[in-house]
Amino acid sequence: MIKKIIDKYQKKNFLIAYSGGLDSTVLLHQMIKIKNQYSHIKIRAIHINHNLHDYSKKWENHCKKNCVLYKIPFIVENINLDLKNKNVEETLRKKRYHSIFNNLLTDEILLTGHHMNDQCETLMLALKRGSGPNGLSSMLYETTFNKNKKIVRPFLTYSKRELKSWAVNNKIKWIEDFSNLDINYDRNFIRSKVIPVFEKRWPYFLKNCARTSKICHEETILLNSFLKEKIHKIHQIDGSLSIDSFKNITKIMSKALIRYWISLNQIQMPSYKNIEYIYNIIVLSKTDSNSKIILQKKNEIRRYKKRLYFIKIKPSIYHTIIFWHNKDIELYLPNDLGQLMQDKKGITLPSPRKNELINIRFQFEGSILILGREKKRKIKKIWQEKKIPPWLRKNTPLLFYNNQLISALGVFIINDYHARNTWKISWKCKI
């Protein structure tokens, strides 16, 4: 059933997501057979204990026993969940994959036992949400995460009935998860109440669902290749989009470009309603004021100076002060902002005196005189003149000697210290 994965991934090792259920048990035994034929291949198994009911530990022990029997390295990860959570299924899925990826080695491919029935369920859940072609693509045979973490689903072309037949013929035992009968969960409802009705009426229904997912995936690839060419014309060097560029294209094209642009940041795609808001309220707004939207509490899309920006929301560091006691050692900044270091190719700055403590802050109010100017100006006006967006101002390191501002690194230098010796700093910036 899955021998072809060896032909494609001959030099890879495999981590099997092993729940103990039918599909993952068949997957484990199929891989054991392959391992016996190809001695260079290494396989491991990982079991995620959700700790949702009294049988959880029993199932974990069942999986461990099988792996010990076949001398398969076995990993257990425990996750816990507040059952009051509104979306238990989605939260469990995210926690499960987070635990699995933390154990996935660089030379390993993750194998899961998802089959044609799972594909159909995923498609119907996407229809329930009102997804477009990308969402209706459902699960792919092969998916890459975080650039180098790969998932392969070798059973997507097989039905659950076919897997069960193979397991019975080979006298393999598996766990029946009674929680799959709880139709309060959407996937279980579709599995138990919807698909059997469709299959009874149309025996070919599962295969046609799989075909629909494949067609949607192909259409998505085609659309994205087209949008990739278009986005270059409105994409700025800082990752923003030019608002003026939307004037000469249709609403449909504009929304497609916005969706593609958001997808480049590898976050969950916003709802249809949010995409409508981004276009109608933010892009078409005549001013920048209040033109923004928060996505998933972690990201923000906002308009500034006739550009559309995607911003990852960072914790406030307004009151943070970091002392740089030893200039010969790199100074790491909060919020993943990078680090500061002495560097001959860096920014030339006045040197601190012996009694002055070097420190980094992220807030300052008042008027200052900067190099190249004859009069003091409020720092807010200087930020604006330098075209520094408000969210970057809050994360730009301000160099102080004691309590005196010396420089906003990479933006301006105070004019009061020109008679001093100099030193050079580089900011390896991540914003």
Protein backbone atom coordinates (compact mmCIF):
# COMPACT_ATOMS: atom_id res chain seq x y z
CA MET A 1 0.00 0.00 0.00
CA ILE A 2 2.75 2.48 0.82
CA LYS A 3 5.87 1.02 -0.78
CA LYS A 4 6.02 3.99 -3.18
CA ILE A 5 7.10 6.31 -0.35
CA ILE A 6 10.36 4.38 -0.15
CA ASP A 7 11.00 5.01 -3.84
CA LYS A 8 10.52 8.75 -3.28
CA TYR A 9 12.21 9.14 0.13
CA GLN A 10 14.94 6.50 0.06
CA LYS A 11 17.37 8.44 2.22
CA LYS A 12 14.84 9.52 4.83
CA ASN A 13 13.81 8.17 8.21
CA PHE A 14 10.23 8.22 9.45
CA LEU A 15 8.30 9.23 12.55
CA ILE A 16 4.85 7.59 12.72
CA ALA A 17 1.95 9.35 14.42
CA TYR A 18 0.60 6.33 16.32
CA SER A 19 -2.70 6.68 18.18
CA GLY A 20 -3.42 2.95 18.30
CA GLY A 21 -6.51 3.31 16.12
CA LEU A 22 -7.14 1.41 12.90
CA ASP A 23 -5.39 3.71 10.42
CA SER A 24 -2.23 4.41 12.44
CA THR A 25 -1.95 0.72 13.41
CA VAL A 26 -2.09 -0.34 9.76
CA LEU A 27 0.48 2.36 8.97
CA LEU A 28 2.82 1.09 11.70
CA HIS A 29 2.62 -2.52 10.51
CA GLN A 30 3.09 -1.52 6.87
CA MET A 31 6.22 0.42 7.82
CA ILE A 32 7.51 -2.52 9.88
CA LYS A 33 7.21 -4.70 6.76
CA ILE A 34 9.09 -2.09 4.71
CA LYS A 35 11.77 -1.76 7.39
CA ASN A 36 12.32 -5.52 7.29
CA GLN A 37 12.94 -5.24 3.53
CA TYR A 38 15.10 -2.10 3.66
CA SER A 39 17.45 -2.34 6.62
CA HIS A 40 18.83 1.21 6.17
CA ILE A 41 15.44 2.75 6.99
CA LYS A 42 14.77 3.82 10.57
CA ILE A 43 11.31 4.33 12.01
CA ARG A 44 10.09 5.72 15.32
CA ALA A 45 6.56 6.09 16.69
CA ILE A 46 5.04 8.91 18.72
CA HIS A 47 1.83 8.65 20.75
CA ILE A 48 0.00 11.76 21.95
CA ASN A 49 -1.94 11.13 25.16
CA HIS A 50 -4.76 13.70 25.28
CA ASN A 51 -5.72 12.73 28.85
CA LEU A 52 -9.40 13.20 28.04
CA HIS A 53 -10.79 10.06 29.68
CA ASP A 54 -9.96 7.08 31.90
CA TYR A 55 -8.85 4.93 28.95
CA SER A 56 -6.08 7.31 27.85
CA LYS A 57 -3.34 5.57 29.84
CA LYS A 58 -4.55 2.13 28.74
CA TRP A 59 -4.28 3.16 25.08
CA GLU A 60 -0.83 4.60 25.67
CA ASN A 61 0.30 1.29 27.19
CA HIS A 62 -1.21 -0.64 24.26
CA CYS A 63 0.86 1.44 21.80
CA LYS A 64 3.99 1.10 23.91
CA LYS A 65 3.58 -2.68 24.11
CA ASN A 66 3.34 -2.99 20.32
CA CYS A 67 6.40 -0.83 19.75
CA VAL A 68 8.45 -2.78 22.31
CA LEU A 69 7.36 -6.02 20.61
CA TYR A 70 8.61 -4.83 17.22
CA LYS A 71 11.61 -2.95 18.65
CA ILE A 72 10.36 0.43 17.45
CA PRO A 73 11.60 3.47 19.45
CA PHE A 74 8.51 4.88 21.16
CA ILE A 75 7.80 8.45 22.32
CA VAL A 76 4.90 9.60 24.50
CA GLU A 77 3.79 13.21 24.81
CA ASN A 78 1.04 14.28 27.21
CA ILE A 79 -1.19 17.25 26.49
CA ASN A 80 -3.90 18.73 28.67
CA LEU A 81 -6.83 20.86 27.62
CA ASP A 82 -9.46 22.95 29.32
CA LEU A 83 -12.68 21.27 28.13
CA LYS A 84 -14.47 24.62 28.47
CA ASN A 85 -12.54 25.74 25.39
CA LYS A 86 -14.96 26.68 22.60
CA ASN A 87 -13.14 24.80 19.86
CA VAL A 88 -11.85 21.60 21.45
CA GLU A 89 -11.15 19.82 18.14
CA GLU A 90 -9.04 22.60 16.66
CA THR A 91 -7.16 23.29 19.90
CA LEU A 92 -6.33 19.60 20.34
CA ARG A 93 -5.12 19.39 16.74
CA LYS A 94 -2.77 22.35 17.20
CA LYS A 95 -1.39 21.02 20.49
CA ARG A 96 -0.97 17.56 18.99
CA TYR A 97 1.03 18.78 16.00
CA HIS A 98 3.08 21.12 18.18
CA SER A 99 4.15 18.16 20.34
CA ILE A 100 4.87 15.98 17.31
CA PHE A 101 6.95 18.62 15.52
CA ASN A 102 8.99 19.20 18.66
CA ASN A 103 10.06 15.54 18.42
CA LEU A 104 10.55 15.38 14.64
CA LEU A 105 14.24 15.10 13.77
CA THR A 106 15.76 16.98 10.84
CA ASP A 107 16.26 13.79 8.81
CA GLU A 108 12.75 12.45 9.50
CA ILE A 109 9.44 12.62 7.67
CA LEU A 110 6.22 12.51 9.67
CA LEU A 111 3.80 9.82 8.50
CA THR A 112 0.10 9.96 9.40
CA GLY A 113 -2.66 7.44 8.71
CA HIS A 114 -5.21 9.87 7.23
CA HIS A 115 -7.35 8.08 4.65
CA MET A 116 -10.04 8.87 2.08
CA ASN A 117 -12.81 9.08 4.69
CA ASP A 118 -10.79 11.64 6.65
CA GLN A 119 -10.32 13.60 3.43
CA CYS A 120 -14.08 13.65 2.83
CA GLU A 121 -14.75 14.78 6.41
CA THR A 122 -12.21 17.59 6.06
CA LEU A 123 -13.80 18.69 2.79
CA MET A 124 -17.26 18.80 4.37
CA LEU A 125 -15.97 20.77 7.36
CA ALA A 126 -14.46 23.26 4.90
CA LEU A 127 -17.82 23.52 3.12
CA LYS A 128 -19.50 24.16 6.48
CA ARG A 129 -17.07 27.05 7.09
CA GLY A 130 -17.68 28.47 3.61
CA SER A 131 -14.07 27.97 2.47
CA GLY A 132 -12.72 28.79 -0.97
CA PRO A 133 -10.63 26.54 -3.27
CA ASN A 134 -7.62 26.57 -0.95
CA GLY A 135 -9.67 25.36 2.03
CA LEU A 136 -11.50 22.81 -0.12
CA SER A 137 -8.13 21.36 -1.12
CA SER A 138 -8.36 19.66 2.29
CA MET A 139 -5.35 17.46 3.08
CA LEU A 140 -2.49 16.93 0.65
CA TYR A 141 -0.46 13.76 0.15
CA GLU A 142 2.61 15.77 1.13
CA THR A 143 2.79 19.01 3.12
CA THR A 144 5.84 21.03 4.19
CA PHE A 145 5.78 23.10 7.38
CA ASN A 146 8.35 25.57 8.67
CA LYS A 147 10.37 25.18 5.44
CA ASN A 148 11.80 21.77 6.29
CA LYS A 149 9.26 19.77 8.33
CA LYS A 150 7.40 17.39 6.05
CA ILE A 151 4.18 15.40 6.55
CA VAL A 152 3.29 12.53 4.22
CA ARG A 153 -0.17 10.91 4.22
CA PRO A 154 0.24 7.68 2.22
CA PHE A 155 -3.34 6.39 2.75
CA LEU A 156 -5.29 9.28 1.21
CA THR A 157 -6.22 7.15 -1.81
CA TYR A 158 -7.56 4.31 0.38
CA SER A 159 -10.89 4.17 2.20
CA LYS A 160 -11.31 3.19 5.83
CA ARG A 161 -13.06 0.03 4.62
CA GLU A 162 -9.93 -0.99 2.66
CA LEU A 163 -7.66 -0.38 5.66
CA LYS A 164 -9.96 -2.43 7.89
CA SER A 165 -9.97 -5.29 5.38
CA TRP A 166 -6.15 -5.30 5.33
CA ALA A 167 -5.99 -5.27 9.14
CA VAL A 168 -8.46 -8.15 9.49
CA ASN A 169 -6.70 -10.24 6.85
CA ASN A 170 -3.37 -9.71 8.63
CA LYS A 171 -4.90 -10.39 12.09
CA ILE A 172 -3.88 -7.01 13.46
CA LYS A 173 -5.50 -5.61 16.61
CA TRP A 174 -6.29 -1.95 17.07
CA ILE A 175 -8.08 0.34 19.52
CA GLU A 176 -11.66 1.49 18.97
CA ASP A 177 -11.91 5.03 20.28
CA PHE A 178 -15.46 5.34 21.66
CA SER A 179 -15.10 9.14 21.74
CA ASN A 180 -15.44 9.03 17.94
CA LEU A 181 -19.13 8.24 18.55
CA ASP A 182 -19.73 11.58 20.28
CA ILE A 183 -21.63 13.49 17.60
CA ASN A 184 -21.34 16.75 19.55
CA TYR A 185 -18.06 17.09 17.67
CA ASP A 186 -18.58 18.21 14.07
CA ARG A 187 -16.18 15.71 12.54
CA ASN A 188 -17.80 12.81 14.39
CA PHE A 189 -21.25 13.98 13.30
CA ILE A 190 -20.15 14.05 9.66
CA ARG A 191 -18.46 10.64 10.05
CA SER A 192 -21.41 8.92 11.74
CA LYS A 193 -24.50 10.67 10.40
CA VAL A 194 -23.67 12.33 7.08
CA ILE A 195 -21.17 10.28 5.07
CA PRO A 196 -23.00 6.91 5.51
CA VAL A 197 -26.16 8.46 4.02
CA PHE A 198 -24.24 9.87 1.04
CA GLU A 199 -22.35 6.62 0.50
CA LYS A 200 -25.55 4.59 0.57
CA ARG A 201 -27.05 6.80 -2.13
CA TRP A 202 -23.82 7.28 -4.11
CA PRO A 203 -21.22 4.51 -3.50
CA TYR A 204 -18.58 6.54 -5.39
CA PHE A 205 -19.07 9.60 -3.14
CA LEU A 206 -15.75 9.28 -1.23
CA LYS A 207 -13.68 9.04 -4.39
CA ASN A 208 -15.44 12.02 -5.91
CA CYS A 209 -14.80 14.08 -2.77
CA ALA A 210 -11.11 13.21 -3.07
CA ARG A 211 -11.22 14.25 -6.72
CA THR A 212 -12.85 17.58 -5.81
CA SER A 213 -10.10 18.26 -3.25
CA LYS A 214 -7.45 17.48 -5.84
CA ILE A 215 -9.07 19.78 -8.43
CA CYS A 216 -9.32 22.60 -5.87
CA HIS A 217 -5.65 22.12 -5.01
CA GLU A 218 -4.65 22.33 -8.68
CA GLU A 219 -6.79 25.45 -9.14
CA THR A 220 -5.16 27.01 -6.07
CA ILE A 221 -1.68 26.33 -7.47
CA LEU A 222 -2.69 27.91 -10.78
CA LEU A 223 -4.21 30.97 -9.08
CA ASN A 224 -1.20 31.45 -6.80
CA SER A 225 1.24 31.30 -9.71
CA PHE A 226 -0.77 34.08 -11.37
CA LEU A 227 -0.99 36.14 -8.15
CA LYS A 228 2.73 35.72 -7.49
CA GLU A 229 3.48 37.62 -10.70
CA LYS A 230 0.89 40.31 -9.93
CA ILE A 231 1.99 40.87 -6.33
CA HIS A 232 5.48 41.95 -7.41
CA LYS A 233 3.98 45.05 -9.04
CA ILE A 234 2.45 46.35 -5.81
CA HIS A 235 4.77 44.76 -3.23
CA GLN A 236 7.16 47.24 -1.59
CA ILE A 237 10.68 46.47 -0.36
CA ASP A 238 9.48 46.53 3.28
CA GLY A 239 6.77 43.96 2.58
CA SER A 240 3.89 46.45 2.43
CA LEU A 241 1.43 46.92 -0.42
CA SER A 242 0.91 50.20 -2.27
CA ILE A 243 -2.66 51.41 -1.73
CA ASP A 244 -2.63 53.35 -5.02
CA SER A 245 -1.99 50.11 -6.91
CA PHE A 246 -5.50 48.90 -6.05
CA LYS A 247 -7.13 51.79 -7.92
CA ASN A 248 -6.84 50.24 -11.36
CA ILE A 249 -7.81 46.64 -10.53
CA THR A 250 -11.15 45.02 -9.76
CA LYS A 251 -12.43 44.22 -6.29
CA ILE A 252 -12.18 40.49 -7.01
CA MET A 253 -8.53 40.82 -8.05
CA SER A 254 -7.79 43.11 -5.08
CA LYS A 255 -9.20 40.62 -2.57
CA ALA A 256 -7.31 37.75 -4.20
CA LEU A 257 -4.05 39.72 -3.95
CA ILE A 258 -4.75 40.57 -0.30
CA ARG A 259 -5.38 36.89 0.51
CA TYR A 260 -2.19 35.85 -1.28
CA TRP A 261 -0.19 38.59 0.50
CA ILE A 262 -1.52 37.44 3.88
CA SER A 263 -0.66 33.81 3.04
CA LEU A 264 3.00 34.84 2.60
CA ASN A 265 3.07 35.49 6.35
CA GLN A 266 2.04 31.87 7.07
CA ILE A 267 -0.96 32.54 9.29
CA GLN A 268 -4.45 31.08 9.22
CA MET A 269 -6.40 32.76 6.44
CA PRO A 270 -8.84 35.40 7.75
CA SER A 271 -12.55 34.89 7.21
CA TYR A 272 -14.38 36.12 4.12
CA LYS A 273 -15.89 38.86 6.30
CA ASN A 274 -12.45 40.06 7.42
CA ILE A 275 -11.10 40.13 3.86
CA GLU A 276 -14.13 42.23 2.90
CA TYR A 277 -13.36 44.59 5.79
CA ILE A 278 -9.70 44.90 4.81
CA TYR A 279 -10.68 45.88 1.27
CA ASN A 280 -13.79 48.02 1.87
CA ILE A 281 -12.78 49.81 5.08
CA ILE A 282 -8.97 49.85 5.04
CA VAL A 283 -7.89 49.86 1.39
CA LEU A 284 -10.71 52.13 0.19
CA SER A 285 -10.45 54.50 3.16
CA LYS A 286 -9.57 58.09 2.27
CA THR A 287 -7.37 58.49 5.35
CA ASP A 288 -5.04 56.36 7.48
CA SER A 289 -6.86 57.06 10.76
CA ASN A 290 -8.31 53.96 12.47
CA SER A 291 -7.68 51.89 9.34
CA LYS A 292 -6.63 48.60 10.90
CA ILE A 293 -7.83 45.14 11.90
CA ILE A 294 -6.55 42.64 14.48
CA LEU A 295 -6.23 39.03 13.31
CA GLN A 296 -6.11 36.12 15.78
CA LYS A 297 -4.93 38.51 18.54
CA LYS A 298 -1.36 38.14 17.24
CA ASN A 299 -1.31 40.07 13.98
CA GLU A 300 -2.48 43.39 12.68
CA ILE A 301 -3.16 44.73 9.21
CA ARG A 302 -3.16 48.49 9.01
CA ARG A 303 -2.82 51.36 6.60
CA TYR A 304 -0.07 53.98 6.92
CA LYS A 305 1.14 56.58 4.41
CA LYS A 306 -0.85 54.98 1.57
CA ARG A 307 0.57 51.54 2.24
CA LEU A 308 -0.93 48.37 3.67
CA TYR A 309 1.19 46.69 6.36
CA PHE A 310 1.11 43.25 7.96
CA ILE A 311 2.40 43.56 11.53
CA LYS A 312 3.12 40.88 14.12
CA ILE A 313 1.93 42.27 17.45
CA LYS A 314 4.73 42.34 20.04
CA PRO A 315 4.44 42.74 23.82
CA SER A 316 4.94 46.30 25.06
CA ILE A 317 8.52 47.14 26.09
CA TYR A 318 7.74 50.79 26.80
CA HIS A 319 9.27 50.74 30.30
CA THR A 320 12.16 48.39 29.50
CA ILE A 321 15.73 49.50 30.28
CA ILE A 322 18.68 47.27 29.35
CA PHE A 323 22.17 48.10 30.59
CA TRP A 324 25.12 47.33 28.32
CA HIS A 325 27.90 46.83 30.85
CA ASN A 326 30.48 45.32 28.51
CA LYS A 327 30.73 46.78 25.01
CA ASP A 328 32.80 43.79 23.87
CA ILE A 329 29.85 41.45 24.36
CA GLU A 330 26.77 41.44 22.13
CA LEU A 331 23.65 42.88 23.72
CA TYR A 332 20.48 40.91 22.97
CA LEU A 333 17.28 42.92 22.65
CA PRO A 334 13.77 41.91 23.81
CA ASN A 335 10.86 41.01 21.51
CA ASP A 336 13.21 39.13 19.20
CA LEU A 337 14.53 42.48 17.91
CA GLY A 338 18.04 41.18 17.30
CA GLN A 339 21.27 42.29 18.96
CA LEU A 340 23.71 45.20 19.25
CA MET A 341 27.47 44.87 18.88
CA GLN A 342 30.60 46.89 18.32
CA ASP A 343 31.41 46.80 14.62
CA LYS A 344 33.90 48.73 12.48
CA LYS A 345 31.30 48.86 9.72
CA GLY A 346 28.54 50.07 12.03
CA ILE A 347 26.96 53.42 12.89
CA THR A 348 29.46 56.05 14.10
CA LEU A 349 28.40 57.40 17.50
CA PRO A 350 29.94 59.55 20.25
CA SER A 351 31.70 57.39 22.84
CA PRO A 352 30.49 57.18 26.46
CA ARG A 353 32.67 58.61 29.22
CA LYS A 354 33.94 56.43 32.06
CA ASN A 355 31.22 57.53 34.46
CA GLU A 356 28.42 57.01 31.95
CA LEU A 357 26.34 53.83 31.85
CA ILE A 358 25.28 52.66 28.41
CA ASN A 359 21.63 51.64 28.37
CA ILE A 360 18.93 50.91 25.83
CA ARG A 361 15.35 52.13 26.16
CA PHE A 362 12.30 52.17 23.94
CA GLN A 363 10.53 55.38 24.92
CA PHE A 364 11.35 59.09 25.05
CA GLU A 365 9.24 62.21 25.07
CA GLY A 366 10.33 65.79 24.52
CA SER A 367 12.22 67.98 22.07
CA ILE A 368 15.70 67.17 20.75
CA LEU A 369 18.31 68.58 18.40
CA ILE A 370 19.57 66.01 15.93
CA LEU A 371 22.57 66.09 13.60
CA GLY A 372 21.90 68.14 10.48
CA ARG A 373 19.33 70.42 12.14
CA GLU A 374 19.58 73.91 13.63
CA LYS A 375 16.49 73.83 15.84
CA LYS A 376 15.03 71.41 18.32
CA ARG A 377 11.90 69.50 17.40
CA LYS A 378 9.59 67.18 19.25
CA ILE A 379 10.64 63.58 18.78
CA LYS A 380 7.18 62.69 17.44
CA LYS A 381 7.70 65.14 14.56
CA ILE A 382 11.14 63.67 13.85
CA TRP A 383 9.71 60.14 13.69
CA GLN A 384 7.14 61.43 11.22
CA GLU A 385 9.74 63.27 9.11
CA LYS A 386 11.84 60.10 8.96
CA LYS A 387 8.69 58.19 7.90
CA ILE A 388 9.04 55.68 10.73
CA PRO A 389 5.66 53.95 11.30
CA PRO A 390 4.26 54.13 14.86
CA TRP A 391 4.69 50.38 15.53
CA LEU A 392 8.39 50.54 14.57
CA ARG A 393 9.02 53.55 16.81
CA LYS A 394 8.02 51.44 19.82
CA ASN A 395 10.59 48.80 18.87
CA THR A 396 13.53 50.98 17.80
CA PRO A 397 16.42 50.86 20.33
CA LEU A 398 17.16 54.25 21.88
CA LEU A 399 20.78 54.55 23.03
CA PHE A 400 21.27 56.40 26.33
CA TYR A 401 24.35 57.37 28.35
CA ASN A 402 23.00 57.55 31.90
CA ASN A 403 19.73 59.42 31.32
CA GLN A 404 20.80 61.31 28.19
CA LEU A 405 19.46 60.22 24.81
CA ILE A 406 22.26 59.74 22.26
CA SER A 407 20.63 58.08 19.27
CA ALA A 408 17.64 56.25 17.87
CA LEU A 409 19.71 53.57 16.19
CA GLY A 410 19.49 53.71 12.44
CA VAL A 411 17.27 56.81 12.51
CA PHE A 412 18.98 59.85 14.09
CA ILE A 413 21.85 60.97 16.35
CA ILE A 414 21.68 63.78 18.92
CA ASN A 415 23.79 66.84 18.01
CA ASP A 416 25.11 67.68 21.51
CA TYR A 417 28.05 65.25 21.60
CA HIS A 418 30.08 66.03 18.48
CA ALA A 419 33.26 66.89 20.45
CA ARG A 420 33.66 63.38 21.85
CA ASN A 421 35.62 60.41 20.59
CA THR A 422 33.60 57.93 18.56
CA TRP A 423 32.78 54.23 18.41
CA LYS A 424 30.71 52.14 16.02
CA ILE A 425 27.66 49.99 16.65
CA SER A 426 25.76 47.57 14.44
CA TRP A 427 22.17 46.58 15.06
CA LYS A 428 21.35 43.15 13.66
CA CYS A 429 17.72 44.01 13.27
CA LYS A 430 14.82 41.53 12.96
CA ILE A 431 11.95 44.02 12.65
